[in-house]
Structure formats: C-alpha cells, structure tokens
Amino acid sequence: MFQNIIEILILSIVQGVSEFLPISSSAHLIVIESLYEFKNSSLLIDVSLHLGSLTAIAFFFRKDLLDLKNNRHLLTLILIGSLPVIIVGFILYQTGAINYLRDIKVIAWTTLIFGVLLFIADKSNFDKKLSSNLNLKTILFIGLFQILSLIPGVSRAGITITAARILKFNRVDSSKISFLLSIPALGGASFLGLKDIIKQPLEFNYLIILAIITSFVFSYMTVKFFLIYINKFSMNVFVIYRIFVAVILFLIIY
C-alpha cells in the first residue's frame, strides 16, 4: 500500500508540475516510466492525473470561465485556438501514429531544440496584452504551433508560450494564454482516455481518487507560483533545465 501511494505521488508531481511548465509533461512521464517499472502506471491512472490537472486549471480560471457575459469573446478564441491540436491529435490517436513519437531519441532532440527556441523567443521585452491584442489571427497562430506539442519533449506549455512571445505578448499574458489553451487540450486527452476505459471492466479504487486529488494540488500550486515567478524573471531557468535533461538523455542514448 505504501509503495502504491509513493508511486501515485511521484506521478502526480511529474504531471502537475511539468504539465504547466515549459518542460513537457509527456516527456517526463515517458522517461520516468521507462526507467522505473511502476505497478500503478495505467491508462486509468493517466486519465485520473489529467483530470486532476484539468480540474485545477479550470478552478484557477473559474472567474473567467463563469463570467460568460464579459469573457465570451475570449472563451470563443480559446476554443478556436484549440481546434488544430484537437483535430490533429485525434487523427494521430485513431491511426496509432502517436505511438511512434514516444521515443527517447525524439524526446532528447525536441527537448533541446524547442528549449533553444523558447530562449530565442523570450529574449526581447514585449508588452502586448491578452485583453487587448488576442484576436482570431493571433490565436490561430498559437493554436497551429500547439500541434507540435503532440510530439513528446516539445511541451504544450513551452510551444504556446514561445508562439505568444514571438507575437510580442508579455511573459505573464503569454503564460495565461497557454494555461487557458490547456483546458480544451486536457479535456480532449481525458475524453479519449475515458472512451477507451469505458470499453474495459472498471476497478475503482482509492488510488484513482488519490491521483486526481494530488494532481489537482500540484497543478494548482504550479500555475499559481509560475505566474508569480514569471512576472519577475525570464524563462532562462527552464531553458537551462531542458538543455541539462537533453544532455543526460543524449549520454544515455549514445
């Protein structure tokens, strides 16, 4: 029992922290699960972890999501911006092509390349704001970049922040755009997982509840403190971390 709880806590920390930081949650989960044979790593647990993150980000932005009268335009743009990754992701999932991307070599290279791209995009001081500069053209640009996040190691948060920074949004609003775009993305991933789970006999246990709750806690705290951090500092610490991880993976592979 104790080992099961520890495994869920590790997976929850990895999911909750890396989902919303520009370091790729899928890459971390794949690498960790390949290095350690977790007994509790399963589709049901994966879906529970994603549901925890989805609930956390929806709760964090609950005022924006519930205030439909004033934020209907923003929510419409977020849904439109999410369509590219949802459509392409569904096609890759249905064809099974998504499985060919879950490779350590792919992760090593994407971790490095898109870390450098994040560094380049984040170098200048821009000040476009979400409230006044987010429109159909900009959200589609960011949404098309988000398709790349289907490749493990790219990082959905990383590539959407990079795209927003290329469009000259400030760091905080770039991060908020990324977080809002994560809601449909996490919802789509959870839906696909639940669709497959329904076909299987369910064994509901305390680990599912634990995974959802702990993933919620770590996800919520990550979003909260990341926005505080990014208001004062650059993305350099995440770029350095990505390069470090890439080097370690290269040493393991080659």
Protein backbone atom coordinates (compact mmCIF):
# COMPACT_ATOMS: atom_id res chain seq x y z
CA MET A 1 0.00 0.00 0.00
CA PHE A 2 2.77 2.45 0.96
CA GLN A 3 4.61 1.79 -2.32
CA ASN A 4 1.40 2.40 -4.29
CA ILE A 5 0.91 5.77 -2.60
CA ILE A 6 4.54 6.78 -3.26
CA GLU A 7 4.18 5.88 -6.95
CA ILE A 8 0.99 7.92 -7.30
CA LEU A 9 2.64 10.88 -5.55
CA ILE A 10 5.62 10.73 -7.93
CA LEU A 11 3.38 10.54 -11.00
CA SER A 12 1.19 13.37 -9.64
CA ILE A 13 4.18 15.63 -9.04
CA VAL A 14 5.53 14.94 -12.53
CA GLN A 15 2.11 15.53 -14.14
CA GLY A 16 1.08 18.51 -12.02
CA VAL A 17 4.38 20.38 -12.25
CA SER A 18 5.51 19.58 -15.79
CA GLU A 19 2.07 19.97 -17.45
CA PHE A 20 2.07 23.73 -16.92
CA LEU A 21 5.80 24.50 -17.02
CA PRO A 22 7.60 24.68 -20.40
CA ILE A 23 9.38 21.35 -19.87
CA SER A 24 6.95 18.73 -21.33
CA SER A 25 4.87 16.50 -19.05
CA SER A 26 4.58 13.68 -21.62
CA ALA A 27 8.37 13.51 -21.99
CA HIS A 28 8.89 13.30 -18.23
CA LEU A 29 6.21 10.65 -17.79
CA ILE A 30 7.61 8.54 -20.66
CA VAL A 31 11.20 8.79 -19.39
CA ILE A 32 10.27 8.03 -15.78
CA GLU A 33 8.02 5.12 -16.73
CA SER A 34 10.79 3.69 -18.94
CA LEU A 35 13.36 3.91 -16.15
CA TYR A 36 11.11 2.63 -13.38
CA GLU A 37 8.50 -0.08 -13.72
CA PHE A 38 5.61 1.49 -11.86
CA LYS A 39 2.94 -1.02 -10.91
CA ASN A 40 0.29 1.67 -10.93
CA SER A 41 1.08 3.20 -14.30
CA SER A 42 -2.03 2.54 -16.37
CA LEU A 43 -4.48 4.27 -18.68
CA LEU A 44 -6.92 4.77 -15.80
CA ILE A 45 -4.25 6.42 -13.63
CA ASP A 46 -3.08 8.57 -16.58
CA VAL A 47 -6.63 9.79 -17.14
CA SER A 48 -7.02 10.47 -13.40
CA LEU A 49 -3.83 12.56 -13.41
CA HIS A 50 -5.05 14.56 -16.42
CA LEU A 51 -8.45 15.07 -14.80
CA GLY A 52 -6.70 16.45 -11.72
CA SER A 53 -4.77 18.95 -13.84
CA LEU A 54 -7.88 19.86 -15.84
CA THR A 55 -9.88 20.48 -12.67
CA ALA A 56 -7.06 22.59 -11.21
CA ILE A 57 -6.68 24.90 -14.21
CA ALA A 58 -10.46 25.26 -14.59
CA PHE A 59 -10.72 26.12 -10.88
CA PHE A 60 -7.86 28.63 -11.13
CA PHE A 61 -9.55 30.46 -14.02
CA ARG A 62 -13.07 29.85 -12.72
CA LYS A 63 -13.98 33.57 -12.74
CA ASP A 64 -13.02 33.92 -16.41
CA LEU A 65 -14.82 30.71 -17.34
CA LEU A 66 -18.00 31.50 -15.43
CA ASP A 67 -18.23 35.16 -16.45
CA LEU A 68 -19.53 34.30 -19.92
CA LYS A 69 -21.11 37.71 -20.45
CA ASN A 70 -17.79 39.57 -20.28
CA ASN A 71 -15.47 36.81 -21.47
CA ARG A 72 -17.48 35.15 -24.25
CA HIS A 73 -15.10 36.52 -26.90
CA LEU A 74 -12.03 35.23 -25.02
CA LEU A 75 -13.52 31.77 -24.49
CA THR A 76 -14.53 31.58 -28.17
CA LEU A 77 -10.97 32.40 -29.22
CA ILE A 78 -9.58 29.75 -26.84
CA LEU A 79 -11.90 27.12 -28.33
CA ILE A 80 -10.94 28.14 -31.88
CA GLY A 81 -7.24 28.08 -30.99
CA SER A 82 -7.61 24.58 -29.57
CA LEU A 83 -9.23 23.07 -32.67
CA PRO A 84 -5.96 22.41 -34.59
CA VAL A 85 -4.35 20.31 -31.85
CA ILE A 86 -7.61 18.50 -31.05
CA ILE A 87 -8.19 17.56 -34.72
CA VAL A 88 -4.60 16.50 -35.43
CA GLY A 89 -4.32 14.77 -32.06
CA PHE A 90 -7.48 12.78 -32.72
CA ILE A 91 -6.18 11.68 -36.14
CA LEU A 92 -2.80 10.62 -34.71
CA TYR A 93 -4.54 8.81 -31.86
CA GLN A 94 -7.02 6.97 -34.08
CA THR A 95 -4.34 5.88 -36.57
CA GLY A 96 -1.90 4.86 -33.84
CA ALA A 97 0.76 7.17 -35.31
CA ILE A 98 1.06 8.89 -31.93
CA ASN A 99 2.84 5.81 -30.54
CA TYR A 100 5.75 6.19 -32.97
CA LEU A 101 6.57 9.56 -31.42
CA ARG A 102 7.02 8.12 -27.91
CA ASP A 103 10.74 7.55 -28.37
CA ILE A 104 13.60 8.64 -26.08
CA LYS A 105 15.68 9.86 -29.06
CA VAL A 106 12.79 12.03 -30.24
CA ILE A 107 12.35 13.40 -26.72
CA ALA A 108 16.06 14.23 -26.38
CA TRP A 109 16.15 16.24 -29.60
CA THR A 110 12.82 18.04 -29.12
CA THR A 111 13.74 18.91 -25.52
CA LEU A 112 16.91 20.58 -26.77
CA ILE A 113 15.63 22.22 -29.97
CA PHE A 114 12.44 23.70 -28.53
CA GLY A 115 14.27 24.78 -25.38
CA VAL A 116 16.61 26.87 -27.55
CA LEU A 117 13.60 28.22 -29.50
CA LEU A 118 11.98 29.27 -26.21
CA PHE A 119 15.18 31.09 -25.23
CA ILE A 120 15.28 32.99 -28.53
CA ALA A 121 11.58 33.95 -28.37
CA ASP A 122 11.87 35.07 -24.74
CA LYS A 123 14.93 37.32 -25.18
CA SER A 124 13.15 40.59 -26.00
CA ASN A 125 10.91 42.69 -23.78
CA PHE A 126 7.46 42.76 -25.37
CA ASP A 127 4.27 44.09 -23.85
CA LYS A 128 1.23 43.03 -25.88
CA LYS A 129 -1.65 42.07 -23.61
CA LEU A 130 -4.17 39.26 -23.70
CA SER A 131 -7.08 41.63 -23.04
CA SER A 132 -6.39 43.93 -26.00
CA ASN A 133 -4.22 42.05 -28.50
CA LEU A 134 -5.57 38.50 -28.59
CA ASN A 135 -7.62 38.06 -31.77
CA LEU A 136 -8.53 35.39 -34.31
CA LYS A 137 -5.26 35.77 -36.21
CA THR A 138 -3.01 35.55 -33.14
CA ILE A 139 -4.89 32.65 -31.50
CA LEU A 140 -4.78 30.61 -34.72
CA PHE A 141 -1.02 31.23 -34.98
CA ILE A 142 -0.54 29.99 -31.41
CA GLY A 143 -3.01 27.15 -32.00
CA LEU A 144 -1.08 25.90 -35.03
CA PHE A 145 2.16 25.95 -33.03
CA GLN A 146 0.37 23.92 -30.33
CA ILE A 147 0.09 21.00 -32.78
CA LEU A 148 3.83 20.46 -32.28
CA SER A 149 3.12 19.66 -28.62
CA LEU A 150 1.78 16.28 -29.73
CA ILE A 151 5.46 15.32 -30.09
CA PRO A 152 6.80 14.37 -26.62
CA GLY A 153 9.53 16.72 -25.48
CA VAL A 154 8.17 19.78 -27.28
CA SER A 155 5.98 20.81 -24.31
CA ARG A 156 2.50 22.19 -24.87
CA ALA A 157 3.12 24.99 -22.39
CA GLY A 158 6.54 25.67 -23.87
CA ILE A 159 5.46 25.89 -27.51
CA THR A 160 2.37 28.02 -26.82
CA ILE A 161 4.38 30.44 -24.66
CA THR A 162 7.04 30.53 -27.39
CA ALA A 163 4.42 31.31 -30.05
CA ALA A 164 2.85 34.04 -27.89
CA ARG A 165 6.27 35.58 -27.23
CA ILE A 166 7.00 35.56 -30.98
CA LEU A 167 3.79 37.58 -31.35
CA LYS A 168 5.17 40.03 -28.75
CA PHE A 169 2.86 39.19 -25.82
CA ASN A 170 4.40 39.81 -22.40
CA ARG A 171 5.52 36.81 -20.33
CA VAL A 172 2.58 36.77 -17.91
CA ASP A 173 -0.09 37.04 -20.60
CA SER A 174 1.76 34.52 -22.79
CA SER A 175 1.57 32.11 -19.86
CA LYS A 176 -2.13 32.87 -19.26
CA ILE A 177 -2.90 32.16 -22.93
CA SER A 178 -1.01 28.88 -22.60
CA PHE A 179 -2.92 27.95 -19.44
CA LEU A 180 -6.31 28.74 -20.98
CA LEU A 181 -5.44 26.69 -24.08
CA SER A 182 -4.59 23.76 -21.80
CA ILE A 183 -8.23 23.40 -20.72
CA PRO A 184 -9.60 22.10 -24.08
CA ALA A 185 -6.35 20.14 -24.65
CA LEU A 186 -6.57 18.36 -21.29
CA GLY A 187 -10.30 17.89 -21.80
CA GLY A 188 -9.69 16.23 -25.16
CA ALA A 189 -6.94 13.97 -23.78
CA SER A 190 -9.16 12.95 -20.86
CA PHE A 191 -12.10 12.25 -23.18
CA LEU A 192 -10.02 9.97 -25.42
CA GLY A 193 -8.73 8.11 -22.39
CA LEU A 194 -12.19 7.74 -20.86
CA LYS A 195 -13.53 6.47 -24.19
CA ASP A 196 -11.06 3.58 -24.06
CA ILE A 197 -11.58 2.94 -20.35
CA ILE A 198 -15.34 2.52 -20.82
CA LYS A 199 -14.62 -0.49 -23.04
CA GLN A 200 -12.75 -2.17 -20.18
CA PRO A 201 -14.01 -3.56 -16.86
CA LEU A 202 -13.51 -0.82 -14.27
CA GLU A 203 -11.78 -1.47 -10.97
CA PHE A 204 -12.40 1.69 -8.98
CA ASN A 205 -10.07 2.09 -6.00
CA TYR A 206 -8.57 4.68 -3.69
CA LEU A 207 -5.56 5.22 -6.00
CA ILE A 208 -7.81 6.89 -8.60
CA ILE A 209 -9.10 9.39 -6.03
CA LEU A 210 -5.57 9.93 -4.73
CA ALA A 211 -4.25 10.54 -8.27
CA ILE A 212 -6.95 13.13 -9.04
CA ILE A 213 -6.54 14.98 -5.72
CA THR A 214 -2.73 15.07 -5.68
CA SER A 215 -2.54 16.00 -9.36
CA PHE A 216 -5.03 18.81 -8.66
CA VAL A 217 -2.93 20.14 -5.76
CA PHE A 218 0.41 20.09 -7.60
CA SER A 219 -1.15 21.51 -10.78
CA TYR A 220 -2.86 24.37 -8.96
CA MET A 221 0.25 25.30 -6.98
CA THR A 222 2.39 25.18 -10.12
CA VAL A 223 0.11 27.57 -12.04
CA LYS A 224 -0.14 29.94 -9.08
CA PHE A 225 3.58 30.20 -8.37
CA PHE A 226 4.65 30.10 -12.02
CA LEU A 227 2.64 33.27 -12.73
CA ILE A 228 4.29 34.95 -9.73
CA TYR A 229 7.74 33.82 -10.85
CA ILE A 230 7.35 34.76 -14.50
CA ASN A 231 6.23 38.28 -13.54
CA LYS A 232 9.76 38.92 -12.24
CA PHE A 233 12.07 36.56 -14.11
CA SER A 234 12.75 35.22 -17.61
CA MET A 235 12.34 31.67 -18.94
CA ASN A 236 16.10 31.03 -18.71
CA VAL A 237 15.89 28.60 -15.79
CA PHE A 238 13.56 26.35 -17.81
CA VAL A 239 15.79 26.62 -20.89
CA ILE A 240 18.81 25.56 -18.81
CA TYR A 241 16.83 22.68 -17.32
CA ARG A 242 15.76 21.49 -20.78
CA ILE A 243 19.34 21.58 -22.06
CA PHE A 244 20.50 19.66 -18.97
CA VAL A 245 17.81 16.98 -19.47
CA ALA A 246 18.64 16.73 -23.18
CA VAL A 247 22.35 16.23 -22.42
CA ILE A 248 21.57 13.49 -19.90
CA LEU A 249 19.30 11.74 -22.40
CA PHE A 250 21.98 12.01 -25.13
CA LEU A 251 24.51 10.41 -22.77
CA ILE A 252 22.09 7.56 -22.05
CA ILE A 253 21.22 7.04 -25.72
CA TYR A 254 24.61 7.45 -27.36
